[in-house]
Each structure stands twice: as structure tokens, then as C-alpha cells.
Amino acid sequence: MVGPGNFGDDLTNAQQDLAQRSARCIKLMGKGVVKVVHRCDDAKENSNLDLSDCQLVQVPDAIFTLLRETPLLTCNISNNLISKIPPKLAMSFTLITELNVSKNRISALPSEMASCTALETVNISGNSFIQLPPVLAEISSLIKVIASKNFIAEVEVDVLQHLPTLEHLNLEENPLKKEVYEELSHVTSCRVVLSPKEQEEWEDLSI
């Protein structure tokens, strides 16, 4: 039989565990906030915002306040847990020439990215895209797009013709449809990097 004293002790222990976990969580969040603030301070000096490896689940709203008078040239938020890029990022940092959102959980880019008329390099690799973001076709300054390791099956190959400055498109490790793969392999307007095509069993006519 459990006495009331034991129950009280269990409750106290549970409360202590909860308090310790909360303290650890707040400490981690505190470290994250401090890191973001430090990175923003660095960006004020060199115009390059690097928020990679910060365990972010979203783009911190505070950066738009901290950097509202900083003309950013590059923005790196790679290797986080972000699922959405806010339109405010594109509207606030229209001068960026490079955007790296690789290794996140992103499946779309906001249409407001078209405001970034100086954007030359976009890295969306290691995300959840099922198509190349349509907004990329509206950014005529693009030189390099890295979209490897996504879930892209379809690509509007004709759209590539509307990007006169595009030199490099990396689509490695994507489940491209056979006909799309064939079309891309014949593109001459830019360098398209594809994974070696795996031969289907039914295509092996040597048997």
C-alpha cells in the first residue's frame, strides 16, 4: 500500500524533473537567441547573414528589426529545421546576391523572391521541393541554382530558356521522370547536372 508521504515525494520529484527540463529548454533557447543576435551583429559589419546550424524552426522575426538598415548581400539559413520562408525575407533583403536555404524542410519559395533582382545563386538542396520554385523563372539575374536531394519529378524545361544568365542547374538525386530527364540532358543553354540514370530492369535488352 502506498502511503500519502510516498505520493507527495513522487509529485515533488516529478515537479523537480519538469523544472529541470524547463530550465534546460530555456537555456538552449537563450543560447539560440544569443547566437542569432551575434550573427546579426556580424552581418552589420560584413553584410553577410549566416544563421546556419542554429536549430531554427522558423526565420526569426527579430532579424528584420536588427538588420532593417543593413544592405545584406548574402543570406544563409542552411542546416536548420525551417519549413517556410517568410515573404518578409525577400521584401527586406532585396539586394542579396546569394540565398542558401539548403538542408531544411522547405517545399516552396514565396513569390516575393522576384523582388530580389540581384540574386545570382540559390541553393535549395536537401529540402522537400517537388518542383523547381516557379518564382525562379522571374529572377532574370540567376546564374546558379542548386536543387539536388529534393523530390522533384517534373521540370518545365522551356522555362530555362527564359533565364538568359543561368549557367548552372544542379538536379542530382531527384526522382525525375524519364522524359524530363531526357529533355534536361539535351539542354544546351546552361549546364544541367544530373545523377547517372539507373537503368530499369525492363530496359535491359541483353537478357
Protein backbone atom coordinates (compact mmCIF):
# COMPACT_ATOMS: atom_id res chain seq x y z
CA MET A 1 0.00 0.00 0.00
CA VAL A 2 1.36 3.40 -1.00
CA GLY A 3 1.20 5.97 1.75
CA PRO A 4 0.43 9.64 1.20
CA GLY A 5 4.02 10.50 2.02
CA ASN A 6 5.33 8.50 -0.93
CA PHE A 7 2.84 10.08 -3.32
CA GLY A 8 3.96 13.50 -2.17
CA ASP A 9 7.61 12.56 -2.72
CA ASP A 10 6.80 11.28 -6.25
CA LEU A 11 4.99 14.52 -7.05
CA THR A 12 7.90 16.57 -5.76
CA ASN A 13 10.35 14.55 -7.87
CA ALA A 14 8.15 14.96 -10.94
CA GLN A 15 7.96 18.69 -10.36
CA GLN A 16 11.73 18.88 -9.96
CA ASP A 17 12.26 16.92 -13.19
CA LEU A 18 9.85 19.23 -15.02
CA ALA A 19 11.56 22.31 -13.60
CA GLN A 20 14.99 20.99 -14.63
CA ARG A 21 13.77 20.18 -18.15
CA SER A 22 12.20 23.63 -18.47
CA ALA A 23 15.40 25.26 -17.27
CA ARG A 24 17.44 23.29 -19.82
CA CYS A 25 14.99 24.24 -22.57
CA ILE A 26 15.11 27.94 -21.65
CA LYS A 27 18.91 27.75 -21.51
CA LEU A 28 19.02 26.24 -25.01
CA MET A 29 16.57 28.84 -26.31
CA GLY A 30 18.68 31.52 -24.66
CA LYS A 31 21.79 30.20 -26.40
CA GLY A 32 19.92 30.21 -29.71
CA VAL A 33 18.76 33.81 -29.27
CA VAL A 34 22.26 34.93 -28.27
CA LYS A 35 23.70 33.16 -31.33
CA VAL A 36 21.20 34.85 -33.66
CA VAL A 37 21.95 38.27 -32.15
CA HIS A 38 25.72 37.70 -32.54
CA ARG A 39 25.25 36.59 -36.16
CA CYS A 40 23.17 39.71 -36.84
CA ASP A 41 25.93 41.86 -35.34
CA ASP A 42 28.40 40.17 -37.69
CA ALA A 43 26.07 40.84 -40.62
CA LYS A 44 26.04 44.55 -39.81
CA GLU A 45 29.82 44.51 -40.25
CA ASN A 46 30.17 42.35 -43.39
CA SER A 47 26.67 42.40 -44.99
CA ASN A 48 26.55 38.57 -44.88
CA LEU A 49 23.88 36.99 -42.67
CA ASP A 50 24.80 33.47 -41.58
CA LEU A 51 22.14 31.73 -39.48
CA SER A 52 23.22 28.21 -40.42
CA ASP A 53 23.25 25.48 -37.75
CA CYS A 54 21.14 27.48 -35.28
CA GLN A 55 18.42 24.83 -34.75
CA LEU A 56 15.83 27.29 -36.03
CA VAL A 57 12.27 26.11 -36.76
CA GLN A 58 11.42 29.43 -38.40
CA VAL A 59 13.19 32.53 -39.63
CA PRO A 60 13.42 34.76 -36.52
CA ASP A 61 11.26 37.87 -36.88
CA ALA A 62 13.83 39.81 -34.84
CA ILE A 63 16.37 39.78 -37.67
CA PHE A 64 14.20 42.14 -39.73
CA THR A 65 14.34 44.68 -36.90
CA LEU A 66 18.01 44.16 -36.11
CA LEU A 67 19.04 44.42 -39.77
CA ARG A 68 16.50 46.89 -41.12
CA GLU A 69 19.26 49.35 -42.09
CA THR A 70 21.80 46.74 -43.25
CA PRO A 71 22.17 46.19 -47.01
CA LEU A 72 22.60 42.40 -46.95
CA LEU A 73 24.47 40.75 -49.83
CA THR A 74 24.11 37.10 -48.79
CA CYS A 75 21.69 35.16 -46.60
CA ASN A 76 22.49 31.67 -45.30
CA ILE A 77 19.90 29.83 -43.19
CA SER A 78 21.06 26.32 -44.10
CA ASN A 79 21.03 23.26 -41.86
CA ASN A 80 18.07 24.20 -39.66
CA LEU A 81 14.50 22.90 -39.20
CA ILE A 82 12.75 25.65 -41.13
CA SER A 83 9.65 24.74 -43.17
CA LYS A 84 8.69 28.15 -44.57
CA ILE A 85 10.46 31.21 -45.90
CA PRO A 86 8.50 34.34 -44.95
CA PRO A 87 7.75 36.86 -47.73
CA LYS A 88 9.26 39.49 -45.43
CA LEU A 89 12.72 38.00 -46.01
CA ALA A 90 12.57 38.73 -49.72
CA MET A 91 10.99 42.16 -49.22
CA SER A 92 13.54 43.17 -46.56
CA PHE A 93 16.69 41.91 -48.27
CA THR A 94 16.16 42.81 -51.92
CA LEU A 95 19.88 43.36 -52.57
CA ILE A 96 21.06 39.81 -51.80
CA THR A 97 23.08 38.07 -54.49
CA GLU A 98 23.13 34.68 -52.75
CA LEU A 99 20.46 32.73 -50.84
CA ASN A 100 21.24 29.41 -49.16
CA VAL A 101 18.28 27.58 -47.59
CA SER A 102 19.70 24.06 -48.00
CA LYS A 103 19.12 21.24 -45.51
CA ASN A 104 15.79 22.40 -44.12
CA ARG A 105 12.16 21.28 -44.56
CA ILE A 106 11.11 23.83 -47.15
CA SER A 107 8.76 22.98 -50.03
CA ALA A 108 8.16 26.42 -51.57
CA LEU A 109 9.68 29.86 -52.03
CA PRO A 110 7.47 32.97 -51.73
CA SER A 111 6.57 34.82 -54.93
CA GLU A 112 8.06 37.93 -53.32
CA MET A 113 11.51 36.49 -54.12
CA ALA A 114 11.06 38.16 -57.51
CA SER A 115 11.90 41.42 -55.69
CA CYS A 116 15.48 40.17 -55.26
CA THR A 117 16.60 41.41 -58.67
CA ALA A 118 20.33 40.98 -57.93
CA LEU A 119 20.03 37.32 -56.88
CA GLU A 120 22.64 35.18 -58.65
CA THR A 121 22.90 31.96 -56.61
CA VAL A 122 20.09 29.99 -54.95
CA ASN A 123 20.72 26.78 -53.01
CA ILE A 124 17.55 24.84 -52.11
CA SER A 125 19.19 21.39 -51.88
CA GLY A 126 18.22 18.88 -49.21
CA ASN A 127 14.65 20.10 -48.79
CA SER A 128 11.11 18.94 -49.69
CA PHE A 129 10.56 20.60 -53.07
CA ILE A 130 8.52 18.60 -55.60
CA GLN A 131 9.17 21.16 -58.34
CA LEU A 132 11.56 23.99 -59.07
CA PRO A 133 10.04 27.07 -57.41
CA PRO A 134 8.11 28.95 -60.14
CA VAL A 135 9.39 32.28 -58.84
CA LEU A 136 12.89 31.40 -60.03
CA ALA A 137 11.71 31.95 -63.61
CA GLU A 138 11.02 35.59 -62.67
CA ILE A 139 14.54 36.29 -61.44
CA SER A 140 16.46 37.16 -64.59
CA SER A 141 19.76 37.67 -62.72
CA LEU A 142 20.09 33.99 -61.72
CA ILE A 143 23.39 32.32 -62.60
CA LYS A 144 23.38 29.20 -60.43
CA VAL A 145 20.59 27.06 -58.93
CA ILE A 146 21.37 24.07 -56.71
CA ALA A 147 18.28 21.90 -56.21
CA SER A 148 19.80 18.49 -55.52
CA LYS A 149 18.40 15.99 -52.99
CA ASN A 150 14.74 17.01 -53.23
CA PHE A 151 11.64 15.22 -54.55
CA ILE A 152 11.48 16.90 -57.94
CA ALA A 153 9.90 14.74 -60.65
CA GLU A 154 8.74 17.41 -63.12
CA VAL A 155 10.68 20.35 -64.56
CA GLU A 156 9.33 22.86 -67.06
CA VAL A 157 12.35 22.71 -69.32
CA ASP A 158 11.04 25.52 -71.55
CA VAL A 159 11.26 27.90 -68.60
CA LEU A 160 15.06 27.57 -68.60
CA GLN A 161 15.09 29.44 -71.91
CA HIS A 162 13.67 32.49 -70.10
CA LEU A 163 16.69 32.69 -67.81
CA PRO A 164 19.35 34.12 -70.12
CA THR A 165 22.03 34.40 -67.43
CA LEU A 166 21.54 30.90 -65.94
CA GLU A 167 24.77 28.92 -66.27
CA HIS A 168 24.40 26.05 -63.79
CA LEU A 169 21.43 23.94 -62.64
CA ASN A 170 22.06 21.02 -60.28
CA LEU A 171 19.25 18.46 -60.10
CA GLU A 172 21.20 15.49 -58.78
CA GLU A 173 19.42 12.94 -56.57
CA ASN A 174 15.88 13.85 -57.61
CA PRO A 175 13.24 11.33 -58.82
CA LEU A 176 12.98 12.92 -62.27
CA LYS A 177 10.57 11.34 -64.73
CA LYS A 178 12.29 9.60 -67.62
CA GLU A 179 11.04 12.03 -70.28
CA VAL A 180 12.03 15.03 -68.13
CA TYR A 181 15.48 13.53 -67.58
CA GLU A 182 15.89 13.07 -71.34
CA GLU A 183 14.82 16.64 -72.07
CA LEU A 184 17.17 18.05 -69.43
CA SER A 185 20.09 16.03 -70.73
CA HIS A 186 19.73 17.83 -74.08
CA VAL A 187 19.60 21.37 -72.68
CA THR A 188 22.45 23.48 -74.10
CA SER A 189 21.56 26.93 -72.74
CA CYS A 190 23.14 26.08 -69.37
CA ARG A 191 25.00 23.26 -67.63
CA VAL A 192 22.48 20.83 -66.14
CA VAL A 193 23.94 18.40 -63.59
CA LEU A 194 22.02 15.13 -63.26
CA SER A 195 22.63 11.89 -61.40
CA PRO A 196 23.59 8.94 -63.64
CA LYS A 197 20.35 7.40 -64.88
CA GLU A 198 19.67 4.00 -63.36
CA GLN A 199 18.58 1.50 -65.95
CA GLU A 200 15.17 -0.02 -65.36
CA GLU A 201 15.06 -3.81 -65.32
CA TRP A 202 12.74 -3.91 -68.33
CA GLU A 203 15.20 -1.74 -70.29
CA ASP A 204 17.98 -4.33 -70.09
CA LEU A 205 17.62 -5.94 -73.51
CA SER A 206 20.76 -8.05 -73.18
CA ILE A 207 18.87 -10.78 -71.31
